[in-house]
Amino acid sequence: MRLALFDLDGTLVDRTAAFADAVADLCRDHGYGPEIERWLLTELADHAERGDFARLRAEFGLRESAAHLWRVYVDRMAAAVTCRPAVLESLARLKDRGWSVGVATNGASDIQRAKVRATGLADLVDGIAASGDIDVRKPDPRLFELAAARCGTQLTAGDWMTGDNPRADIDGGHRAGLRTIWVAGRPWPDGLAVPHHTVTEVTAAVDYLLAHSTA
């Protein structure tokens, strides 16, 4: 069975818009002012973990526990995050053609899985590996290997990784022996091996995989 691994944030789902909404909702619900909101938007811009809210609590002397704030943030992110219907339809087509679909994502296990459930991706994904599962982050090949294992298989030379982050997804995919598709948007760093294919959005990546299913 052919395996297609995908990044989550910025590839399958739009974290950026959801993140701003989740932070605004959390601050409004707790009566926090703009200083705390700016701190959250800055400190959690790339990714959020439970420990970030312990730092927030210590920085501003908040009475709410870090565990409570983390749970609220996870809930707000799950409520705000979206996956376009076209992306869901593309993954359904991929599965109909006999592909196994997995997610390899950096981030805390509970929040990444909450996003997958909330967006409808859970019905289309065979396995998920989040960096919080084993405290290993992309581009470490072990996360891609775990994603394959969660899909009930092992990585092979014909498998693919699709993502928007040049280092985490594309360089990491190369290190794991995968063929790669870059969802372009960020600047490409000097010195990295180029992806096997480049697209502007993830549905085009699925189209490419379907067109090259016999490659």
N, C-alpha and C. Protein backbone atom coordinates (compact mmCIF):
# COMPACT_ATOMS: atom_id res chain seq x y z
N MET A 1 0.84 -1.19 0.00
CA MET A 1 0.00 0.00 0.00
C MET A 1 0.88 1.24 0.00
N ARG A 2 0.53 2.20 -0.85
CA ARG A 2 1.26 3.45 -0.91
C ARG A 2 0.88 4.33 0.27
N LEU A 3 1.87 5.03 0.81
CA LEU A 3 1.67 5.87 1.98
C LEU A 3 1.92 7.32 1.63
N ALA A 4 0.97 8.17 2.01
CA ALA A 4 1.11 9.63 1.86
C ALA A 4 1.01 10.25 3.24
N LEU A 5 2.10 10.86 3.70
CA LEU A 5 2.11 11.57 4.96
C LEU A 5 1.93 13.07 4.70
N PHE A 6 1.22 13.71 5.61
CA PHE A 6 0.96 15.15 5.49
C PHE A 6 1.27 15.84 6.80
N ASP A 7 1.81 17.05 6.69
CA ASP A 7 1.88 17.96 7.82
C ASP A 7 0.46 18.42 8.14
N LEU A 8 0.25 18.88 9.38
CA LEU A 8 -1.09 19.35 9.77
C LEU A 8 -1.22 20.87 9.63
N ASP A 9 -0.55 21.62 10.50
CA ASP A 9 -0.71 23.08 10.54
C ASP A 9 -0.07 23.75 9.34
N GLY A 10 -0.87 24.52 8.63
CA GLY A 10 -0.36 25.22 7.45
C GLY A 10 -0.39 24.38 6.19
N THR A 11 -0.75 23.11 6.33
CA THR A 11 -0.84 22.23 5.17
C THR A 11 -2.27 21.71 5.02
N LEU A 12 -2.72 20.93 5.97
CA LEU A 12 -4.10 20.43 5.93
C LEU A 12 -5.08 21.40 6.57
N VAL A 13 -4.65 22.10 7.60
CA VAL A 13 -5.55 23.03 8.29
C VAL A 13 -4.90 24.41 8.38
N ASP A 14 -5.74 25.42 8.54
CA ASP A 14 -5.29 26.81 8.67
C ASP A 14 -5.15 27.13 10.15
N ARG A 15 -3.92 26.99 10.67
CA ARG A 15 -3.70 27.30 12.08
C ARG A 15 -3.69 28.81 12.33
N THR A 16 -3.19 29.58 11.39
CA THR A 16 -2.94 31.01 11.62
C THR A 16 -4.21 31.74 12.04
N ALA A 17 -5.27 31.60 11.26
CA ALA A 17 -6.52 32.29 11.59
C ALA A 17 -7.13 31.74 12.86
N ALA A 18 -7.09 30.42 13.01
CA ALA A 18 -7.65 29.79 14.20
C ALA A 18 -6.92 30.23 15.46
N PHE A 19 -5.61 30.37 15.35
CA PHE A 19 -4.78 30.76 16.50
C PHE A 19 -5.19 32.13 17.02
N ALA A 20 -5.31 33.10 16.14
CA ALA A 20 -5.69 34.45 16.56
C ALA A 20 -7.07 34.44 17.21
N ASP A 21 -8.01 33.69 16.64
CA ASP A 21 -9.35 33.62 17.20
C ASP A 21 -9.34 32.95 18.57
N ALA A 22 -8.57 31.86 18.70
CA ALA A 22 -8.52 31.13 19.97
C ALA A 22 -7.94 31.99 21.08
N VAL A 23 -6.87 32.72 20.78
CA VAL A 23 -6.26 33.59 21.78
C VAL A 23 -7.22 34.71 22.17
N ALA A 24 -7.89 35.31 21.20
CA ALA A 24 -8.85 36.38 21.50
C ALA A 24 -9.98 35.85 22.37
N ASP A 25 -10.49 34.66 22.07
CA ASP A 25 -11.58 34.08 22.85
C ASP A 25 -11.13 33.78 24.28
N LEU A 26 -9.93 33.20 24.41
CA LEU A 26 -9.42 32.88 25.75
C LEU A 26 -9.28 34.15 26.59
N CYS A 27 -8.74 35.19 26.01
CA CYS A 27 -8.54 36.44 26.76
C CYS A 27 -9.87 37.09 27.10
N ARG A 28 -10.80 37.07 26.19
CA ARG A 28 -12.12 37.66 26.46
C ARG A 28 -12.84 36.88 27.57
N ASP A 29 -12.78 35.55 27.50
CA ASP A 29 -13.46 34.73 28.50
C ASP A 29 -12.92 34.94 29.91
N HIS A 30 -11.62 35.26 30.02
CA HIS A 30 -10.99 35.40 31.33
C HIS A 30 -10.76 36.86 31.73
N GLY A 31 -11.21 37.77 30.89
CA GLY A 31 -11.04 39.18 31.20
C GLY A 31 -9.60 39.66 31.14
N TYR A 32 -8.78 39.02 30.32
CA TYR A 32 -7.39 39.42 30.19
C TYR A 32 -7.27 40.61 29.24
N GLY A 33 -6.33 41.50 29.52
CA GLY A 33 -6.13 42.68 28.71
C GLY A 33 -5.21 42.46 27.52
N PRO A 34 -4.94 43.54 26.79
CA PRO A 34 -4.14 43.44 25.56
C PRO A 34 -2.70 42.99 25.80
N GLU A 35 -2.15 43.25 26.99
CA GLU A 35 -0.76 42.84 27.24
C GLU A 35 -0.64 41.32 27.23
N ILE A 36 -1.57 40.65 27.87
CA ILE A 36 -1.55 39.18 27.88
C ILE A 36 -1.83 38.64 26.49
N GLU A 37 -2.76 39.26 25.79
CA GLU A 37 -3.07 38.80 24.43
C GLU A 37 -1.85 38.93 23.52
N ARG A 38 -1.14 40.04 23.62
CA ARG A 38 0.08 40.21 22.80
C ARG A 38 1.12 39.16 23.17
N TRP A 39 1.27 38.88 24.46
CA TRP A 39 2.24 37.87 24.91
C TRP A 39 1.91 36.52 24.28
N LEU A 40 0.65 36.13 24.34
CA LEU A 40 0.24 34.85 23.77
C LEU A 40 0.47 34.81 22.26
N LEU A 41 0.10 35.87 21.58
CA LEU A 41 0.26 35.91 20.12
C LEU A 41 1.72 35.82 19.72
N THR A 42 2.60 36.37 20.55
CA THR A 42 4.04 36.32 20.26
C THR A 42 4.65 34.98 20.64
N GLU A 43 4.41 34.54 21.86
CA GLU A 43 5.08 33.36 22.39
C GLU A 43 4.56 32.06 21.79
N LEU A 44 3.32 32.04 21.35
CA LEU A 44 2.71 30.82 20.83
C LEU A 44 2.57 30.86 19.32
N ALA A 45 3.25 31.82 18.67
CA ALA A 45 3.04 32.02 17.24
C ALA A 45 3.36 30.79 16.41
N ASP A 46 4.45 30.09 16.74
CA ASP A 46 4.85 28.93 15.95
C ASP A 46 4.19 27.64 16.43
N HIS A 47 4.12 27.46 17.72
CA HIS A 47 3.44 26.29 18.28
C HIS A 47 3.19 26.54 19.76
N ALA A 48 2.24 25.80 20.30
CA ALA A 48 1.87 25.96 21.71
C ALA A 48 1.97 24.62 22.43
N GLU A 49 2.43 24.70 23.67
CA GLU A 49 2.53 23.52 24.51
C GLU A 49 2.01 23.86 25.90
N ARG A 50 1.72 22.83 26.67
CA ARG A 50 1.18 23.02 28.01
C ARG A 50 2.09 23.92 28.85
N GLY A 51 3.41 23.74 28.73
CA GLY A 51 4.34 24.52 29.53
C GLY A 51 4.30 26.01 29.25
N ASP A 52 3.82 26.40 28.06
CA ASP A 52 3.72 27.83 27.75
C ASP A 52 2.77 28.53 28.72
N PHE A 53 1.76 27.81 29.17
CA PHE A 53 0.78 28.45 30.05
C PHE A 53 1.26 28.51 31.49
N ALA A 54 2.22 27.67 31.84
CA ALA A 54 2.89 27.84 33.13
C ALA A 54 3.74 29.11 33.10
N ARG A 55 4.40 29.35 31.96
CA ARG A 55 5.18 30.59 31.81
C ARG A 55 4.27 31.82 31.84
N LEU A 56 3.12 31.71 31.16
CA LEU A 56 2.17 32.82 31.15
C LEU A 56 1.69 33.13 32.56
N ARG A 57 1.34 32.10 33.31
CA ARG A 57 0.84 32.27 34.67
C ARG A 57 1.89 32.95 35.56
N ALA A 58 3.14 32.50 35.42
CA ALA A 58 4.20 33.08 36.22
C ALA A 58 4.50 34.53 35.81
N GLU A 59 4.43 34.79 34.52
CA GLU A 59 4.75 36.13 34.01
C GLU A 59 3.76 37.18 34.51
N PHE A 60 2.48 36.80 34.58
CA PHE A 60 1.45 37.79 34.90
C PHE A 60 0.75 37.54 36.23
N GLY A 61 1.20 36.52 36.97
CA GLY A 61 0.60 36.25 38.27
C GLY A 61 -0.87 35.88 38.19
N LEU A 62 -1.23 35.08 37.22
CA LEU A 62 -2.64 34.72 37.02
C LEU A 62 -3.10 33.72 38.07
N ARG A 63 -4.37 33.82 38.43
CA ARG A 63 -4.90 32.90 39.44
C ARG A 63 -5.31 31.56 38.84
N GLU A 64 -5.67 31.56 37.56
CA GLU A 64 -6.07 30.30 36.92
C GLU A 64 -4.87 29.38 36.78
N SER A 65 -5.10 28.08 36.91
CA SER A 65 -4.00 27.13 36.79
C SER A 65 -3.55 27.00 35.35
N ALA A 66 -2.29 26.61 35.17
CA ALA A 66 -1.78 26.38 33.83
C ALA A 66 -2.56 25.27 33.13
N ALA A 67 -2.94 24.24 33.88
CA ALA A 67 -3.69 23.12 33.30
C ALA A 67 -5.05 23.60 32.78
N HIS A 68 -5.71 24.46 33.55
CA HIS A 68 -7.00 25.00 33.11
C HIS A 68 -6.84 25.83 31.84
N LEU A 69 -5.85 26.70 31.82
CA LEU A 69 -5.64 27.57 30.66
C LEU A 69 -5.31 26.76 29.42
N TRP A 70 -4.52 25.71 29.59
CA TRP A 70 -4.19 24.85 28.46
C TRP A 70 -5.44 24.16 27.92
N ARG A 71 -6.28 23.65 28.81
CA ARG A 71 -7.51 22.98 28.36
C ARG A 71 -8.41 23.95 27.61
N VAL A 72 -8.52 25.17 28.12
CA VAL A 72 -9.34 26.17 27.44
C VAL A 72 -8.76 26.47 26.06
N TYR A 73 -7.45 26.64 25.98
CA TYR A 73 -6.81 26.94 24.69
C TYR A 73 -7.04 25.81 23.70
N VAL A 74 -6.88 24.57 24.15
CA VAL A 74 -7.12 23.42 23.26
C VAL A 74 -8.55 23.44 22.75
N ASP A 75 -9.50 23.68 23.63
CA ASP A 75 -10.91 23.72 23.23
C ASP A 75 -11.17 24.85 22.24
N ARG A 76 -10.59 26.02 22.50
CA ARG A 76 -10.83 27.15 21.60
C ARG A 76 -10.19 26.92 20.23
N MET A 77 -8.99 26.33 20.22
CA MET A 77 -8.35 26.02 18.94
C MET A 77 -9.17 25.00 18.15
N ALA A 78 -9.66 23.98 18.82
CA ALA A 78 -10.46 22.96 18.13
C ALA A 78 -11.74 23.57 17.55
N ALA A 79 -12.30 24.54 18.28
CA ALA A 79 -13.52 25.18 17.79
C ALA A 79 -13.25 26.11 16.62
N ALA A 80 -12.05 26.68 16.57
CA ALA A 80 -11.75 27.69 15.56
C ALA A 80 -11.11 27.13 14.29
N VAL A 81 -10.39 26.02 14.41
CA VAL A 81 -9.61 25.54 13.27
C VAL A 81 -10.52 24.97 12.19
N THR A 82 -10.09 25.11 10.95
CA THR A 82 -10.89 24.63 9.82
C THR A 82 -10.02 23.86 8.83
N CYS A 83 -10.67 22.95 8.14
CA CYS A 83 -10.06 22.26 7.00
C CYS A 83 -11.03 22.42 5.84
N ARG A 84 -10.57 22.96 4.74
CA ARG A 84 -11.45 23.25 3.61
C ARG A 84 -12.10 21.97 3.07
N PRO A 85 -13.37 22.03 2.69
CA PRO A 85 -14.02 20.85 2.11
C PRO A 85 -13.24 20.27 0.94
N ALA A 86 -12.60 21.11 0.14
CA ALA A 86 -11.83 20.61 -1.00
C ALA A 86 -10.68 19.73 -0.55
N VAL A 87 -10.08 20.05 0.61
CA VAL A 87 -8.99 19.23 1.13
C VAL A 87 -9.52 17.87 1.59
N LEU A 88 -10.64 17.88 2.29
CA LEU A 88 -11.26 16.63 2.73
C LEU A 88 -11.63 15.76 1.53
N GLU A 89 -12.18 16.39 0.51
CA GLU A 89 -12.55 15.64 -0.69
C GLU A 89 -11.33 15.05 -1.38
N SER A 90 -10.22 15.79 -1.41
CA SER A 90 -8.99 15.29 -2.02
C SER A 90 -8.46 14.07 -1.28
N LEU A 91 -8.45 14.14 0.04
CA LEU A 91 -7.96 13.00 0.81
C LEU A 91 -8.87 11.79 0.64
N ALA A 92 -10.17 12.02 0.53
CA ALA A 92 -11.10 10.91 0.29
C ALA A 92 -10.80 10.24 -1.05
N ARG A 93 -10.49 11.05 -2.07
CA ARG A 93 -10.12 10.48 -3.37
C ARG A 93 -8.84 9.67 -3.27
N LEU A 94 -7.88 10.16 -2.50
CA LEU A 94 -6.62 9.45 -2.33
C LEU A 94 -6.85 8.08 -1.67
N LYS A 95 -7.68 8.06 -0.65
CA LYS A 95 -7.97 6.80 0.02
C LYS A 95 -8.75 5.85 -0.91
N ASP A 96 -9.64 6.40 -1.69
CA ASP A 96 -10.40 5.57 -2.63
C ASP A 96 -9.49 4.90 -3.66
N ARG A 97 -8.35 5.51 -3.92
CA ARG A 97 -7.39 4.94 -4.87
C ARG A 97 -6.38 4.01 -4.19
N GLY A 98 -6.62 3.68 -2.93
CA GLY A 98 -5.81 2.68 -2.26
C GLY A 98 -4.64 3.22 -1.46
N TRP A 99 -4.56 4.53 -1.29
CA TRP A 99 -3.48 5.10 -0.50
C TRP A 99 -3.79 5.04 0.99
N SER A 100 -2.78 4.88 1.79
CA SER A 100 -2.88 5.06 3.22
C SER A 100 -2.46 6.50 3.52
N VAL A 101 -3.22 7.18 4.38
CA VAL A 101 -3.01 8.60 4.66
C VAL A 101 -2.63 8.77 6.13
N GLY A 102 -1.49 9.44 6.36
CA GLY A 102 -1.04 9.68 7.72
C GLY A 102 -0.70 11.14 7.95
N VAL A 103 -0.65 11.53 9.21
CA VAL A 103 -0.27 12.89 9.60
C VAL A 103 0.98 12.81 10.46
N ALA A 104 2.00 13.59 10.09
CA ALA A 104 3.22 13.74 10.89
C ALA A 104 3.32 15.21 11.25
N THR A 105 3.12 15.52 12.52
CA THR A 105 2.99 16.92 12.92
C THR A 105 3.80 17.23 14.17
N ASN A 106 4.42 18.38 14.20
CA ASN A 106 5.00 18.88 15.44
C ASN A 106 3.88 19.50 16.27
N GLY A 107 3.97 19.30 17.58
CA GLY A 107 2.96 19.87 18.46
C GLY A 107 2.55 18.90 19.54
N ALA A 108 1.88 19.43 20.55
CA ALA A 108 1.41 18.61 21.65
C ALA A 108 0.34 17.63 21.16
N SER A 109 0.37 16.43 21.71
CA SER A 109 -0.51 15.37 21.23
C SER A 109 -1.98 15.74 21.35
N ASP A 110 -2.39 16.29 22.51
CA ASP A 110 -3.81 16.52 22.71
C ASP A 110 -4.36 17.61 21.80
N ILE A 111 -3.61 18.67 21.59
CA ILE A 111 -4.14 19.73 20.74
C ILE A 111 -4.16 19.33 19.27
N GLN A 112 -3.14 18.61 18.80
CA GLN A 112 -3.12 18.21 17.40
C GLN A 112 -4.23 17.21 17.10
N ARG A 113 -4.48 16.30 18.00
CA ARG A 113 -5.56 15.34 17.80
C ARG A 113 -6.93 16.01 17.91
N ALA A 114 -7.04 17.02 18.76
CA ALA A 114 -8.29 17.77 18.84
C ALA A 114 -8.60 18.46 17.51
N LYS A 115 -7.56 19.01 16.87
CA LYS A 115 -7.76 19.64 15.56
C LYS A 115 -8.21 18.62 14.52
N VAL A 116 -7.58 17.44 14.53
CA VAL A 116 -7.93 16.40 13.56
C VAL A 116 -9.38 15.97 13.74
N ARG A 117 -9.80 15.80 14.98
CA ARG A 117 -11.20 15.40 15.23
C ARG A 117 -12.17 16.51 14.83
N ALA A 118 -11.83 17.75 15.18
CA ALA A 118 -12.77 18.85 14.96
C ALA A 118 -12.98 19.17 13.49
N THR A 119 -12.01 18.89 12.66
CA THR A 119 -12.08 19.29 11.25
C THR A 119 -12.61 18.19 10.34
N GLY A 120 -12.89 17.01 10.87
CA GLY A 120 -13.34 15.91 10.03
C GLY A 120 -12.22 15.08 9.44
N LEU A 121 -10.98 15.45 9.72
CA LEU A 121 -9.85 14.69 9.20
C LEU A 121 -9.75 13.30 9.81
N ALA A 122 -10.28 13.12 11.02
CA ALA A 122 -10.16 11.84 11.71
C ALA A 122 -10.77 10.71 10.89
N ASP A 123 -11.79 11.01 10.10
CA ASP A 123 -12.44 9.97 9.29
C ASP A 123 -11.61 9.58 8.07
N LEU A 124 -10.57 10.36 7.76
CA LEU A 124 -9.80 10.15 6.54
C LEU A 124 -8.35 9.77 6.80
N VAL A 125 -7.93 9.85 8.04
CA VAL A 125 -6.53 9.62 8.38
C VAL A 125 -6.37 8.26 9.05
N ASP A 126 -5.40 7.49 8.57
CA ASP A 126 -5.17 6.15 9.12
C ASP A 126 -4.30 6.17 10.37
N GLY A 127 -3.47 7.20 10.53
CA GLY A 127 -2.60 7.27 11.69
C GLY A 127 -2.03 8.66 11.87
N ILE A 128 -1.79 9.03 13.12
CA ILE A 128 -1.25 10.36 13.46
C ILE A 128 -0.04 10.18 14.36
N ALA A 129 1.02 10.90 14.06
CA ALA A 129 2.17 10.99 14.95
C ALA A 129 2.42 12.46 15.24
N ALA A 130 2.32 12.83 16.52
CA ALA A 130 2.62 14.20 16.95
C ALA A 130 3.92 14.18 17.73
N SER A 131 4.66 15.27 17.64
CA SER A 131 5.96 15.30 18.31
C SER A 131 5.82 15.09 19.82
N GLY A 132 4.68 15.50 20.38
CA GLY A 132 4.46 15.29 21.80
C GLY A 132 4.33 13.83 22.20
N ASP A 133 4.09 12.95 21.21
CA ASP A 133 3.95 11.52 21.52
C ASP A 133 5.24 10.93 22.05
N ILE A 134 6.36 11.35 21.44
CA ILE A 134 7.65 10.74 21.78
C ILE A 134 8.73 11.78 22.06
N ASP A 135 8.32 13.05 22.19
CA ASP A 135 9.26 14.14 22.46
C ASP A 135 10.34 14.23 21.40
N VAL A 136 9.95 14.01 20.16
CA VAL A 136 10.84 14.13 19.00
C VAL A 136 10.12 14.98 17.96
N ARG A 137 10.81 15.97 17.42
CA ARG A 137 10.19 16.88 16.47
C ARG A 137 10.76 16.69 15.07
N LYS A 138 9.92 16.91 14.05
CA LYS A 138 10.45 17.00 12.70
C LYS A 138 11.50 18.12 12.68
N PRO A 139 12.59 17.93 11.97
CA PRO A 139 12.85 16.97 10.89
C PRO A 139 13.42 15.61 11.31
N ASP A 140 13.39 15.27 12.58
CA ASP A 140 13.90 13.97 13.01
C ASP A 140 13.14 12.85 12.29
N PRO A 141 13.84 11.94 11.61
CA PRO A 141 13.17 10.87 10.86
C PRO A 141 12.28 9.98 11.72
N ARG A 142 12.55 9.94 13.03
CA ARG A 142 11.76 9.05 13.88
C ARG A 142 10.28 9.41 13.92
N LEU A 143 9.97 10.69 13.73
CA LEU A 143 8.56 11.06 13.74
C LEU A 143 7.84 10.54 12.49
N PHE A 144 8.52 10.56 11.36
CA PHE A 144 7.94 10.02 10.14
C PHE A 144 7.77 8.50 10.25
N GLU A 145 8.76 7.86 10.88
CA GLU A 145 8.67 6.42 11.09
C GLU A 145 7.49 6.06 11.99
N LEU A 146 7.28 6.87 13.03
CA LEU A 146 6.15 6.64 13.92
C LEU A 146 4.83 6.84 13.18
N ALA A 147 4.76 7.86 12.33
CA ALA A 147 3.54 8.09 11.56
C ALA A 147 3.22 6.89 10.68
N ALA A 148 4.23 6.33 10.04
CA ALA A 148 4.01 5.14 9.21
C ALA A 148 3.53 3.98 10.08
N ALA A 149 4.16 3.79 11.23
CA ALA A 149 3.75 2.70 12.12
C ALA A 149 2.31 2.88 12.58
N ARG A 150 1.91 4.12 12.85
CA ARG A 150 0.53 4.38 13.26
C ARG A 150 -0.45 4.07 12.12
N CYS A 151 0.05 4.09 10.90
CA CYS A 151 -0.78 3.72 9.74
C CYS A 151 -0.72 2.23 9.46
N GLY A 152 0.02 1.49 10.29
CA GLY A 152 0.10 0.05 10.14
C GLY A 152 1.10 -0.41 9.10
N THR A 153 2.12 0.42 8.83
CA THR A 153 3.08 0.06 7.80
C THR A 153 4.46 0.58 8.19
N GLN A 154 5.43 0.46 7.27
CA GLN A 154 6.77 1.00 7.44
C GLN A 154 7.08 1.90 6.25
N LEU A 155 7.99 2.82 6.45
CA LEU A 155 8.37 3.70 5.36
C LEU A 155 9.07 2.92 4.26
N THR A 156 8.73 3.25 3.01
CA THR A 156 9.41 2.67 1.86
C THR A 156 9.83 3.80 0.92
N ALA A 157 10.66 3.46 -0.04
CA ALA A 157 11.19 4.48 -0.95
C ALA A 157 10.12 5.13 -1.80
N GLY A 158 8.96 4.48 -1.95
CA GLY A 158 7.90 5.05 -2.78
C GLY A 158 6.91 5.91 -2.03
N ASP A 159 7.14 6.13 -0.75
CA ASP A 159 6.21 6.92 0.07
C ASP A 159 6.51 8.41 -0.04
N TRP A 160 5.52 9.22 0.35
CA TRP A 160 5.60 10.67 0.15
C TRP A 160 5.33 11.42 1.45
N MET A 161 5.94 12.60 1.56
CA MET A 161 5.65 13.56 2.62
C MET A 161 5.32 14.89 1.98
N THR A 162 4.20 15.49 2.39
CA THR A 162 3.77 16.79 1.89
C THR A 162 3.66 17.77 3.06
N GLY A 163 4.25 18.95 2.91
CA GLY A 163 4.16 19.95 3.97
C GLY A 163 4.63 21.31 3.51
N ASP A 164 4.43 22.30 4.38
CA ASP A 164 4.75 23.68 4.02
C ASP A 164 6.07 24.15 4.60
N ASN A 165 6.64 23.40 5.53
CA ASN A 165 7.87 23.85 6.20
C ASN A 165 9.09 23.23 5.53
N PRO A 166 9.98 24.04 4.93
CA PRO A 166 11.11 23.47 4.21
C PRO A 166 11.98 22.56 5.06
N ARG A 167 12.30 22.97 6.28
CA ARG A 167 13.20 22.16 7.11
C ARG A 167 12.46 20.99 7.76
N ALA A 168 11.35 21.27 8.42
CA ALA A 168 10.66 20.22 9.16
C ALA A 168 10.08 19.16 8.24
N ASP A 169 9.42 19.61 7.17
CA ASP A 169 8.69 18.67 6.32
C ASP A 169 9.50 18.14 5.15
N ILE A 170 10.17 19.05 4.43
CA ILE A 170 10.85 18.62 3.22
C ILE A 170 12.23 18.03 3.53
N ASP A 171 13.05 18.77 4.27
CA ASP A 171 14.34 18.21 4.67
C ASP A 171 14.13 16.97 5.55
N GLY A 172 13.16 17.05 6.46
CA GLY A 172 12.87 15.90 7.30
C GLY A 172 12.41 14.70 6.49
N GLY A 173 11.56 14.95 5.50
CA GLY A 173 11.12 13.86 4.64
C GLY A 173 12.27 13.23 3.87
N HIS A 174 13.18 14.08 3.36
CA HIS A 174 14.37 13.56 2.68
C HIS A 174 15.18 12.67 3.62
N ARG A 175 15.38 13.13 4.84
CA ARG A 175 16.16 12.34 5.81
C ARG A 175 15.53 10.99 6.09
N ALA A 176 14.21 10.96 6.02
CA ALA A 176 13.49 9.71 6.27
C ALA A 176 13.39 8.82 5.05
N GLY A 177 13.97 9.27 3.93
CA GLY A 177 13.95 8.48 2.70
C GLY A 177 12.68 8.62 1.89
N LEU A 178 11.92 9.69 2.14
CA LEU A 178 10.65 9.89 1.46
C LEU A 178 10.80 10.82 0.27
N ARG A 179 9.92 10.66 -0.70
CA ARG A 179 9.75 11.67 -1.73
C ARG A 179 8.89 12.79 -1.13
N THR A 180 9.12 14.03 -1.61
CA THR A 180 8.52 15.17 -0.91
C THR A 180 7.80 16.11 -1.87
N ILE A 181 6.73 16.71 -1.33
CA ILE A 181 6.00 17.78 -2.04
C ILE A 181 5.94 18.98 -1.10
N TRP A 182 6.42 20.10 -1.58
CA TRP A 182 6.43 21.32 -0.79
C TRP A 182 5.21 22.16 -1.16
N VAL A 183 4.43 22.55 -0.14
CA VAL A 183 3.35 23.52 -0.31
C VAL A 183 3.98 24.89 -0.11
N ALA A 184 4.31 25.55 -1.20
CA ALA A 184 5.13 26.75 -1.16
C ALA A 184 4.40 27.91 -0.49
N GLY A 185 5.19 28.77 0.11
CA GLY A 185 4.66 29.95 0.78
C GLY A 185 5.75 30.64 1.59
N ARG A 186 6.55 29.86 2.30
CA ARG A 186 7.67 30.40 3.05
C ARG A 186 8.89 30.55 2.14
N PRO A 187 9.85 31.40 2.51
CA PRO A 187 11.11 31.45 1.76
C PRO A 187 11.83 30.11 1.84
N TRP A 188 12.50 29.74 0.77
CA TRP A 188 13.25 28.49 0.76
C TRP A 188 14.67 28.73 1.28
N PRO A 189 15.10 28.06 2.33
CA PRO A 189 16.44 28.28 2.89
C PRO A 189 17.54 27.78 1.96
N ASP A 190 18.67 28.44 2.02
CA ASP A 190 19.83 27.98 1.26
C ASP A 190 20.33 26.66 1.83
N GLY A 191 20.83 25.80 0.93
CA GLY A 191 21.51 24.59 1.37
C GLY A 191 20.63 23.38 1.56
N LEU A 192 19.31 23.52 1.39
CA LEU A 192 18.44 22.36 1.53
C LEU A 192 18.24 21.67 0.19
N ALA A 193 18.13 20.34 0.23
CA ALA A 193 17.80 19.60 -0.98
C ALA A 193 16.40 20.00 -1.43
N VAL A 194 16.24 20.18 -2.73
CA VAL A 194 14.96 20.66 -3.25
C VAL A 194 13.91 19.55 -3.17
N PRO A 195 12.63 19.93 -3.06
CA PRO A 195 11.57 18.92 -3.04
C PRO A 195 11.42 18.25 -4.40
N HIS A 196 10.79 17.09 -4.40
CA HIS A 196 10.54 16.41 -5.66
C HIS A 196 9.48 17.13 -6.50
N HIS A 197 8.59 17.84 -5.82
CA HIS A 197 7.54 18.57 -6.52
C HIS A 197 7.12 19.73 -5.64
N THR A 198 6.64 20.81 -6.26
CA THR A 198 6.20 22.00 -5.53
C THR A 198 4.80 22.38 -6.00
N VAL A 199 3.94 22.72 -5.04
CA VAL A 199 2.57 23.15 -5.34
C VAL A 199 2.29 24.41 -4.52
N THR A 200 1.17 25.04 -4.80
CA THR A 200 0.78 26.22 -4.04
C THR A 200 -0.27 25.91 -2.99
N GLU A 201 -0.90 24.74 -3.08
CA GLU A 201 -1.84 24.33 -2.04
C GLU A 201 -2.01 22.82 -2.09
N VAL A 202 -2.49 22.27 -0.96
CA VAL A 202 -2.37 20.83 -0.74
C VAL A 202 -3.24 20.00 -1.68
N THR A 203 -4.34 20.54 -2.18
CA THR A 203 -5.15 19.74 -3.10
C THR A 203 -4.38 19.44 -4.39
N ALA A 204 -3.51 20.36 -4.80
CA ALA A 204 -2.67 20.12 -5.97
C ALA A 204 -1.66 19.02 -5.69
N ALA A 205 -1.22 18.91 -4.45
CA ALA A 205 -0.32 17.81 -4.08
C ALA A 205 -1.02 16.47 -4.22
N VAL A 206 -2.27 16.40 -3.78
CA VAL A 206 -3.03 15.16 -3.92
C VAL A 206 -3.24 14.83 -5.40
N ASP A 207 -3.55 15.84 -6.21
CA ASP A 207 -3.70 15.61 -7.65
C ASP A 207 -2.43 15.01 -8.23
N TYR A 208 -1.29 15.53 -7.79
CA TYR A 208 -0.01 15.03 -8.28
C TYR A 208 0.20 13.57 -7.86
N LEU A 209 -0.10 13.24 -6.63
CA LEU A 209 0.05 11.88 -6.15
C LEU A 209 -0.84 10.92 -6.94
N LEU A 210 -2.08 11.35 -7.20
CA LEU A 210 -2.99 10.49 -7.95
C LEU A 210 -2.52 10.31 -9.39
N ALA A 211 -1.95 11.35 -9.96
CA ALA A 211 -1.46 11.26 -11.34
C ALA A 211 -0.21 10.41 -11.45
N HIS A 212 0.51 10.22 -10.35
CA HIS A 212 1.76 9.48 -10.36
C HIS A 212 1.68 8.24 -9.47
N SER A 213 0.49 7.69 -9.38
CA SER A 213 0.28 6.54 -8.49
C SER A 213 1.06 5.31 -8.91
N THR A 214 1.43 5.23 -10.18
CA THR A 214 2.18 4.08 -10.63
C THR A 214 3.68 4.35 -10.68
N ALA A 215 4.08 5.58 -10.27
CA ALA A 215 5.52 5.93 -10.36
C ALA A 215 6.30 5.20 -9.31
